[in-house]
PDB file of N, CA and C in Angstrom:
ATOM      1  N   MET A   1       4.591 -24.083   3.647  1.00  0.00           N
ATOM      2  CA  MET A   1       3.708 -22.951   3.980  1.00  0.00           C
ATOM      3  C   MET A   1       2.463 -22.893   3.241  1.00  0.00           C
ATOM      4  N   LYS A   2       1.408 -22.443   3.765  1.00  0.00           N
ATOM      5  CA  LYS A   2      -0.001 -22.311   3.171  1.00  0.00           C
ATOM      6  C   LYS A   2      -0.139 -20.927   2.784  1.00  0.00           C
ATOM      7  N   LEU A   3      -0.633 -20.652   1.639  1.00  0.00           N
ATOM      8  CA  LEU A   3      -0.907 -19.248   1.128  1.00  0.00           C
ATOM      9  C   LEU A   3      -2.344 -19.279   0.594  1.00  0.00           C
ATOM     10  N   TYR A   4      -3.035 -18.171   0.805  1.00  0.00           N
ATOM     11  CA  TYR A   4      -4.258 -17.803   0.237  1.00  0.00           C
ATOM     12  C   TYR A   4      -4.037 -16.820  -0.834  1.00  0.00           C
ATOM     13  N   VAL A   5      -4.447 -17.087  -2.221  1.00  0.00           N
ATOM     14  CA  VAL A   5      -4.200 -16.201  -3.232  1.00  0.00           C
ATOM     15  C   VAL A   5      -5.603 -15.695  -3.676  1.00  0.00           C
ATOM     16  N   ALA A   6      -6.009 -14.615  -3.309  1.00  0.00           N
ATOM     17  CA  ALA A   6      -7.359 -14.092  -3.525  1.00  0.00           C
ATOM     18  C   ALA A   6      -7.837 -14.101  -4.997  1.00  0.00           C
ATOM     19  N   ASN A   7      -6.817 -13.643  -5.857  1.00  0.00           N
ATOM     20  CA  ASN A   7      -7.248 -13.413  -7.230  1.00  0.00           C
ATOM     21  C   ASN A   7      -6.820 -14.608  -8.119  1.00  0.00           C
ATOM     22  N   MET A   8      -6.669 -15.770  -7.551  1.00  0.00           N
ATOM     23  CA  MET A   8      -6.345 -17.041  -8.395  1.00  0.00           C
ATOM     24  C   MET A   8      -7.640 -17.786  -8.693  1.00  0.00           C
ATOM     25  N   THR A   9      -8.139 -17.751  -9.931  1.00  0.00           N
ATOM     26  CA  THR A   9      -9.434 -18.250 -10.220  1.00  0.00           C
ATOM     27  C   THR A   9      -9.503 -19.411 -11.284  1.00  0.00           C
ATOM     28  N   CYS A  10      -8.360 -19.687 -11.860  1.00  0.00           N
ATOM     29  CA  CYS A  10      -8.428 -20.741 -12.944  1.00  0.00           C
ATOM     30  C   CYS A  10      -7.057 -21.481 -13.117  1.00  0.00           C
ATOM     31  N   GLY A  11      -7.045 -22.384 -13.898  1.00  0.00           N
ATOM     32  CA  GLY A  11      -5.791 -23.073 -14.246  1.00  0.00           C
ATOM     33  C   GLY A  11      -4.627 -22.281 -14.784  1.00  0.00           C
ATOM     34  N   GLY A  12      -5.045 -21.296 -15.548  1.00  0.00           N
ATOM     35  CA  GLY A  12      -3.994 -20.318 -16.077  1.00  0.00           C
ATOM     36  C   GLY A  12      -3.410 -19.507 -14.963  1.00  0.00           C
ATOM     37  N   CYS A  13      -4.298 -19.154 -14.009  1.00  0.00           N
ATOM     38  CA  CYS A  13      -3.785 -18.455 -12.866  1.00  0.00           C
ATOM     39  C   CYS A  13      -2.835 -19.385 -11.968  1.00  0.00           C
ATOM     40  N   ALA A  14      -3.251 -20.578 -11.793  1.00  0.00           N
ATOM     41  CA  ALA A  14      -2.338 -21.565 -11.127  1.00  0.00           C
ATOM     42  C   ALA A  14      -1.024 -21.713 -11.734  1.00  0.00           C
ATOM     43  N   LYS A  15      -0.959 -21.763 -13.031  1.00  0.00           N
ATOM     44  CA  LYS A  15       0.320 -21.865 -13.794  1.00  0.00           C
ATOM     45  C   LYS A  15       1.171 -20.618 -13.533  1.00  0.00           C
ATOM     46  N   SER A  16       0.574 -19.479 -13.545  1.00  0.00           N
ATOM     47  CA  SER A  16       1.216 -18.278 -13.338  1.00  0.00           C
ATOM     48  C   SER A  16       1.797 -18.147 -11.855  1.00  0.00           C
ATOM     49  N   VAL A  17       1.033 -18.564 -10.911  1.00  0.00           N
ATOM     50  CA  VAL A  17       1.429 -18.530  -9.507  1.00  0.00           C
ATOM     51  C   VAL A  17       2.583 -19.471  -9.430  1.00  0.00           C
ATOM     52  N   THR A  18       2.530 -20.628  -9.938  1.00  0.00           N
ATOM     53  CA  THR A  18       3.538 -21.590  -9.840  1.00  0.00           C
ATOM     54  C   THR A  18       4.919 -21.056 -10.423  1.00  0.00           C
ATOM     55  N   ALA A  19       4.722 -20.315 -11.713  1.00  0.00           N
ATOM     56  CA  ALA A  19       5.869 -19.725 -12.309  1.00  0.00           C
ATOM     57  C   ALA A  19       6.479 -18.691 -11.412  1.00  0.00           C
ATOM     58  N   SER A  20       5.691 -17.873 -10.756  1.00  0.00           N
ATOM     59  CA  SER A  20       6.135 -16.852  -9.832  1.00  0.00           C
ATOM     60  C   SER A  20       7.087 -17.459  -8.710  1.00  0.00           C
ATOM     61  N   ILE A  21       6.561 -18.555  -8.095  1.00  0.00           N
ATOM     62  CA  ILE A  21       7.234 -19.196  -7.004  1.00  0.00           C
ATOM     63  C   ILE A  21       8.473 -19.823  -7.525  1.00  0.00           C
ATOM     64  N   LYS A  22       8.370 -20.592  -8.614  1.00  0.00           N
ATOM     65  CA  LYS A  22       9.599 -21.297  -9.216  1.00  0.00           C
ATOM     66  C   LYS A  22      10.663 -20.227  -9.616  1.00  0.00           C
ATOM     67  N   GLY A  23      10.232 -18.965  -9.886  1.00  0.00           N
ATOM     68  CA  GLY A  23      11.242 -17.934 -10.284  1.00  0.00           C
ATOM     69  C   GLY A  23      12.086 -17.674  -9.102  1.00  0.00           C
ATOM     70  N   VAL A  24      11.723 -17.815  -7.909  1.00  0.00           N
ATOM     71  CA  VAL A  24      12.622 -17.565  -6.743  1.00  0.00           C
ATOM     72  C   VAL A  24      13.122 -18.862  -6.144  1.00  0.00           C
ATOM     73  N   ASP A  25      12.424 -20.006  -6.465  1.00  0.00           N
ATOM     74  CA  ASP A  25      12.963 -21.304  -5.916  1.00  0.00           C
ATOM     75  C   ASP A  25      12.514 -22.328  -6.829  1.00  0.00           C
ATOM     76  N   GLU A  26      13.440 -22.716  -7.741  1.00  0.00           N
ATOM     77  CA  GLU A  26      13.112 -23.705  -8.663  1.00  0.00           C
ATOM     78  C   GLU A  26      12.880 -25.070  -8.134  1.00  0.00           C
ATOM     79  N   ASN A  27      13.256 -25.363  -6.897  1.00  0.00           N
ATOM     80  CA  ASN A  27      13.049 -26.640  -6.237  1.00  0.00           C
ATOM     81  C   ASN A  27      11.911 -26.714  -5.339  1.00  0.00           C
ATOM     82  N   ALA A  28      11.124 -25.602  -5.288  1.00  0.00           N
ATOM     83  CA  ALA A  28       9.919 -25.603  -4.464  1.00  0.00           C
ATOM     84  C   ALA A  28       8.959 -26.707  -5.013  1.00  0.00           C
ATOM     85  N   VAL A  29       8.163 -27.346  -4.011  1.00  0.00           N
ATOM     86  CA  VAL A  29       7.154 -28.304  -4.285  1.00  0.00           C
ATOM     87  C   VAL A  29       5.920 -27.537  -4.008  1.00  0.00           C
ATOM     88  N   ILE A  30       5.069 -27.483  -5.087  1.00  0.00           N
ATOM     89  CA  ILE A  30       3.749 -26.725  -5.065  1.00  0.00           C
ATOM     90  C   ILE A  30       2.552 -27.441  -5.272  1.00  0.00           C
ATOM     91  N   ASN A  31       1.609 -27.344  -4.409  1.00  0.00           N
ATOM     92  CA  ASN A  31       0.370 -28.106  -4.577  1.00  0.00           C
ATOM     93  C   ASN A  31      -0.767 -26.874  -4.571  1.00  0.00           C
ATOM     94  N   ILE A  32      -1.577 -26.873  -5.499  1.00  0.00           N
ATOM     95  CA  ILE A  32      -2.547 -25.801  -5.671  1.00  0.00           C
ATOM     96  C   ILE A  32      -4.062 -26.310  -5.620  1.00  0.00           C
ATOM     97  N   ASP A  33      -4.882 -25.760  -4.877  1.00  0.00           N
ATOM     98  CA  ASP A  33      -6.298 -25.985  -4.679  1.00  0.00           C
ATOM     99  C   ASP A  33      -7.050 -24.776  -5.190  1.00  0.00           C
ATOM    100  N   ILE A  34      -7.301 -24.850  -6.532  1.00  0.00           N
ATOM    101  CA  ILE A  34      -7.943 -23.649  -7.216  1.00  0.00           C
ATOM    102  C   ILE A  34      -9.294 -23.172  -6.595  1.00  0.00           C
ATOM    103  N   PRO A  35     -10.226 -24.217  -6.399  1.00  0.00           N
ATOM    104  CA  PRO A  35     -11.589 -23.758  -5.893  1.00  0.00           C
ATOM    105  C   PRO A  35     -11.452 -22.991  -4.516  1.00  0.00           C
ATOM    106  N   ASN A  36     -10.542 -23.399  -3.626  1.00  0.00           N
ATOM    107  CA  ASN A  36     -10.350 -22.785  -2.375  1.00  0.00           C
ATOM    108  C   ASN A  36      -9.271 -21.571  -2.322  1.00  0.00           C
ATOM    109  N   LYS A  37      -8.580 -21.466  -3.498  1.00  0.00           N
ATOM    110  CA  LYS A  37      -7.616 -20.427  -3.647  1.00  0.00           C
ATOM    111  C   LYS A  37      -6.443 -20.563  -2.724  1.00  0.00           C
ATOM    112  N   LEU A  38      -6.073 -21.895  -2.488  1.00  0.00           N
ATOM    113  CA  LEU A  38      -4.978 -22.162  -1.605  1.00  0.00           C
ATOM    114  C   LEU A  38      -3.764 -22.739  -2.308  1.00  0.00           C
ATOM    115  N   VAL A  39      -2.579 -22.382  -1.799  1.00  0.00           N
ATOM    116  CA  VAL A  39      -1.340 -22.889  -2.456  1.00  0.00           C
ATOM    117  C   VAL A  39      -0.446 -23.398  -1.236  1.00  0.00           C
ATOM    118  N   ASP A  40      -0.116 -24.654  -1.321  1.00  0.00           N
ATOM    119  CA  ASP A  40       0.874 -25.186  -0.359  1.00  0.00           C
ATOM    120  C   ASP A  40       2.159 -25.270  -0.975  1.00  0.00           C
ATOM    121  N   VAL A  41       3.248 -24.633  -0.399  1.00  0.00           N
ATOM    122  CA  VAL A  41       4.468 -24.494  -0.897  1.00  0.00           C
ATOM    123  C   VAL A  41       5.502 -25.096   0.095  1.00  0.00           C
ATOM    124  N   GLU A  42       6.356 -26.162  -0.395  1.00  0.00           N
ATOM    125  CA  GLU A  42       7.363 -26.588   0.410  1.00  0.00           C
ATOM    126  C   GLU A  42       8.637 -26.089  -0.167  1.00  0.00           C
ATOM    127  N   THR A  43       9.320 -25.221   0.590  1.00  0.00           N
ATOM    128  CA  THR A  43      10.582 -24.459   0.207  1.00  0.00           C
ATOM    129  C   THR A  43      11.423 -24.161   1.428  1.00  0.00           C
ATOM    130  N   GLN A  44      12.711 -23.965   1.084  1.00  0.00           N
ATOM    131  CA  GLN A  44      13.673 -23.559   2.181  1.00  0.00           C
ATOM    132  C   GLN A  44      13.650 -22.002   2.451  1.00  0.00           C
ATOM    133  N   LEU A  45      13.024 -21.308   1.558  1.00  0.00           N
ATOM    134  CA  LEU A  45      12.907 -19.953   1.709  1.00  0.00           C
ATOM    135  C   LEU A  45      11.964 -19.385   2.686  1.00  0.00           C
ATOM    136  N   GLU A  46      12.193 -18.121   3.182  1.00  0.00           N
ATOM    137  CA  GLU A  46      11.356 -17.518   4.112  1.00  0.00           C
ATOM    138  C   GLU A  46      10.071 -17.171   3.369  1.00  0.00           C
ATOM    139  N   SER A  47       8.892 -17.160   4.174  1.00  0.00           N
ATOM    140  CA  SER A  47       7.601 -16.871   3.476  1.00  0.00           C
ATOM    141  C   SER A  47       7.609 -15.445   2.844  1.00  0.00           C
ATOM    142  N   THR A  48       8.362 -14.559   3.345  1.00  0.00           N
ATOM    143  CA  THR A  48       8.313 -13.214   2.895  1.00  0.00           C
ATOM    144  C   THR A  48       8.936 -13.094   1.417  1.00  0.00           C
ATOM    145  N   VAL A  49       9.865 -14.052   1.184  1.00  0.00           N
ATOM    146  CA  VAL A  49      10.477 -14.100  -0.168  1.00  0.00           C
ATOM    147  C   VAL A  49       9.436 -14.553  -1.190  1.00  0.00           C
ATOM    148  N   ILE A  50       8.643 -15.593  -0.810  1.00  0.00           N
ATOM    149  CA  ILE A  50       7.579 -16.136  -1.700  1.00  0.00           C
ATOM    150  C   ILE A  50       6.457 -15.135  -1.861  1.00  0.00           C
ATOM    151  N   LEU A  51       6.101 -14.446  -0.755  1.00  0.00           N
ATOM    152  CA  LEU A  51       5.016 -13.413  -0.813  1.00  0.00           C
ATOM    153  C   LEU A  51       5.396 -12.279  -1.709  1.00  0.00           C
ATOM    154  N   ASN A  52       6.728 -11.779  -1.516  1.00  0.00           N
ATOM    155  CA  ASN A  52       7.149 -10.696  -2.362  1.00  0.00           C
ATOM    156  C   ASN A  52       7.241 -11.048  -3.818  1.00  0.00           C
ATOM    157  N   ALA A  53       7.549 -12.260  -4.124  1.00  0.00           N
ATOM    158  CA  ALA A  53       7.636 -12.677  -5.595  1.00  0.00           C
ATOM    159  C   ALA A  53       6.269 -12.724  -6.143  1.00  0.00           C
ATOM    160  N   LEU A  54       5.296 -13.176  -5.425  1.00  0.00           N
ATOM    161  CA  LEU A  54       3.819 -13.220  -5.916  1.00  0.00           C
ATOM    162  C   LEU A  54       3.301 -11.805  -5.958  1.00  0.00           C
ATOM    163  N   SER A  55       3.616 -10.962  -5.001  1.00  0.00           N
ATOM    164  CA  SER A  55       3.161  -9.497  -5.086  1.00  0.00           C
ATOM    165  C   SER A  55       3.789  -8.805  -6.348  1.00  0.00           C
ATOM    166  N   GLU A  56       4.994  -9.028  -6.634  1.00  0.00           N
ATOM    167  CA  GLU A  56       5.626  -8.375  -7.743  1.00  0.00           C
ATOM    168  C   GLU A  56       4.877  -8.780  -9.121  1.00  0.00           C
ATOM    169  N   ASP A  57       4.272  -9.861  -9.110  1.00  0.00           N
ATOM    170  CA  ASP A  57       3.575 -10.432 -10.230  1.00  0.00           C
ATOM    171  C   ASP A  57       2.079 -10.167 -10.102  1.00  0.00           C
ATOM    172  N   ASP A  58       1.640  -9.208  -9.224  1.00  0.00           N
ATOM    173  CA  ASP A  58       0.268  -8.891  -8.976  1.00  0.00           C
ATOM    174  C   ASP A  58      -0.617  -9.901  -8.422  1.00  0.00           C
ATOM    175  N   TRP A  59      -0.097 -10.884  -7.606  1.00  0.00           N
ATOM    176  CA  TRP A  59      -0.883 -11.813  -6.970  1.00  0.00           C
ATOM    177  C   TRP A  59      -1.084 -11.418  -5.619  1.00  0.00           C
ATOM    178  N   LYS A  60      -2.405 -11.390  -5.086  1.00  0.00           N
ATOM    179  CA  LYS A  60      -2.750 -10.927  -3.769  1.00  0.00           C
ATOM    180  C   LYS A  60      -2.769 -12.239  -2.766  1.00  0.00           C
ATOM    181  N   ALA A  61      -1.567 -12.453  -2.288  1.00  0.00           N
ATOM    182  CA  ALA A  61      -1.337 -13.620  -1.469  1.00  0.00           C
ATOM    183  C   ALA A  61      -1.063 -13.219  -0.004  1.00  0.00           C
ATOM    184  N   GLU A  62      -1.560 -14.110   0.863  1.00  0.00           N
ATOM    185  CA  GLU A  62      -1.373 -14.006   2.305  1.00  0.00           C
ATOM    186  C   GLU A  62      -1.061 -15.364   2.919  1.00  0.00           C
ATOM    187  N   ALA A  63      -0.273 -15.346   3.930  1.00  0.00           N
ATOM    188  CA  ALA A  63       0.044 -16.647   4.599  1.00  0.00           C
ATOM    189  C   ALA A  63      -1.225 -17.058   5.405  1.00  0.00           C
ATOM    190  N   ARG A  64      -1.376 -18.425   5.502  1.00  0.00           N
ATOM    191  CA  ARG A  64      -2.486 -18.901   6.190  1.00  0.00           C
ATOM    192  C   ARG A  64      -1.974 -19.825   7.355  1.00  0.00           C
TER     193      ARG A  64
END
């Protein structure tokens, strides 16, 4: 799934976004494009689970 994370602006943000996702799926494969604020996640979970995890950690994410 592809996600747009509006408030991800730096490498530290990317690490935190990764930690949020890994918190619900430690096997997720995550690729992050910081300049475009995009996150590509390979997971078996529903997108709502990932979006909820990010939201709980104050990330403004939406599916693309």
